């Protein structure tokens, strides 16, 4: 049986019945799982969170958008998520 790419180290990392990370779940993520690792913002440990980061991209400060866009595309590739946002594609090139 193939392992899913959509897994977590701790089943208590999410609120029951949701994909939403708990504070404990967020604190257990390595910096590399964040779109903005220095601030630990935009967690992307799985495909669901990559899609969420894409949806909330417009809330990122302009000075952070290039880095965030590139990390979204990186994580999207890893988890097999198609990014359709022209805005993210544009910022990733800047």
Protein backbone atom coordinates (compact mmCIF):
# COMPACT_ATOMS: atom_id res chain seq x y z
CA UNK A 1 0.00 0.00 0.00
CA UNK A 2 1.39 3.39 -1.01
CA UNK A 3 1.93 5.90 1.78
CA UNK A 4 0.02 9.12 1.36
CA UNK A 5 1.89 12.39 1.13
CA UNK A 6 -0.83 13.93 3.28
CA UNK A 7 0.33 12.68 6.69
CA UNK A 8 1.35 14.15 10.03
CA UNK A 9 3.67 12.98 12.74
CA UNK A 10 1.10 13.55 15.50
CA UNK A 11 -2.59 12.69 15.07
CA UNK A 12 -3.38 15.29 17.78
CA UNK A 13 -1.94 17.97 15.52
CA UNK A 14 -5.40 18.80 14.16
CA UNK A 15 -8.67 19.80 15.71
CA UNK A 16 -10.93 16.72 15.62
CA UNK A 17 -12.71 16.26 12.31
CA UNK A 18 -10.86 19.11 10.60
CA UNK A 19 -7.68 19.85 8.68
CA UNK A 20 -7.03 22.83 10.96
CA UNK A 21 -3.76 22.61 12.91
CA UNK A 22 -3.78 23.02 16.68
CA UNK A 23 -1.20 25.25 18.37
CA UNK A 24 0.63 22.07 19.37
CA UNK A 25 0.53 20.82 15.79
CA UNK A 26 1.93 24.10 14.48
CA UNK A 27 4.69 24.15 17.09
CA UNK A 28 5.80 20.64 16.08
CA UNK A 29 6.26 21.58 12.41
CA UNK A 30 9.79 22.23 11.24
CA UNK A 31 10.52 25.71 9.86
CA UNK A 32 10.77 24.15 6.40
CA UNK A 33 7.03 23.42 6.47
CA UNK A 34 6.20 27.13 6.55
CA UNK A 35 5.78 29.47 3.61
CA UNK A 36 7.49 32.17 5.65
CA UNK A 37 9.79 30.17 7.92
CA UNK A 38 11.36 33.10 9.79
CA UNK A 39 7.92 34.22 11.00
CA UNK A 40 6.49 30.67 11.04
CA UNK A 41 3.51 31.82 8.97
CA UNK A 42 1.60 29.98 6.25
CA UNK A 43 2.11 26.37 7.41
CA UNK A 44 2.19 23.88 4.51
CA UNK A 45 2.75 20.36 5.89
CA UNK A 46 0.32 18.84 3.35
CA UNK A 47 -1.71 19.49 0.19
CA UNK A 48 -4.66 20.97 2.09
CA UNK A 49 -2.46 23.59 3.68
CA UNK A 50 -0.74 24.39 0.37
CA UNK A 51 -4.19 25.21 -1.03
CA UNK A 52 -4.92 27.33 2.04
CA UNK A 53 -1.65 29.24 1.62
CA UNK A 54 -2.62 29.89 -2.00
CA UNK A 55 -6.03 31.19 -0.89
CA UNK A 56 -4.57 33.46 1.82
CA UNK A 57 -1.58 34.64 -0.22
CA UNK A 58 -3.04 38.14 -0.63
CA UNK A 59 -2.70 38.71 3.14
CA UNK A 60 1.09 38.42 3.03
CA UNK A 61 3.08 41.67 3.10
CA UNK A 62 4.35 42.66 -0.35
CA UNK A 63 7.97 42.35 0.77
CA UNK A 64 7.35 38.67 1.64
CA UNK A 65 5.25 37.68 -1.39
CA UNK A 66 8.14 36.61 -3.66
CA UNK A 67 9.50 34.18 -1.09
CA UNK A 68 6.04 32.92 -0.16
CA UNK A 69 5.04 32.40 -3.80
CA UNK A 70 8.18 30.37 -4.52
CA UNK A 71 7.65 28.23 -1.41
CA UNK A 72 4.00 27.64 -2.31
CA UNK A 73 5.06 26.41 -5.75
CA UNK A 74 7.78 24.23 -4.20
CA UNK A 75 5.35 22.61 -1.75
CA UNK A 76 2.64 22.34 -4.43
CA UNK A 77 5.01 20.31 -6.59
CA UNK A 78 5.91 18.09 -3.63
CA UNK A 79 2.25 17.35 -2.82
CA UNK A 80 0.90 17.24 -6.38
CA UNK A 81 -1.16 20.44 -6.11
CA UNK A 82 -1.82 22.53 -9.21
CA UNK A 83 -1.46 26.26 -8.57
CA UNK A 84 -3.70 28.32 -10.85
CA UNK A 85 -3.17 31.75 -9.32
CA UNK A 86 -1.63 34.13 -11.85
CA UNK A 87 -0.73 36.36 -8.92
CA UNK A 88 1.36 33.66 -7.26
CA UNK A 89 3.00 32.71 -10.56
CA UNK A 90 3.86 36.39 -11.15
CA UNK A 91 5.31 36.92 -7.67
CA UNK A 92 7.35 33.72 -7.90
CA UNK A 93 9.16 35.15 -10.92
CA UNK A 94 10.01 38.44 -9.20
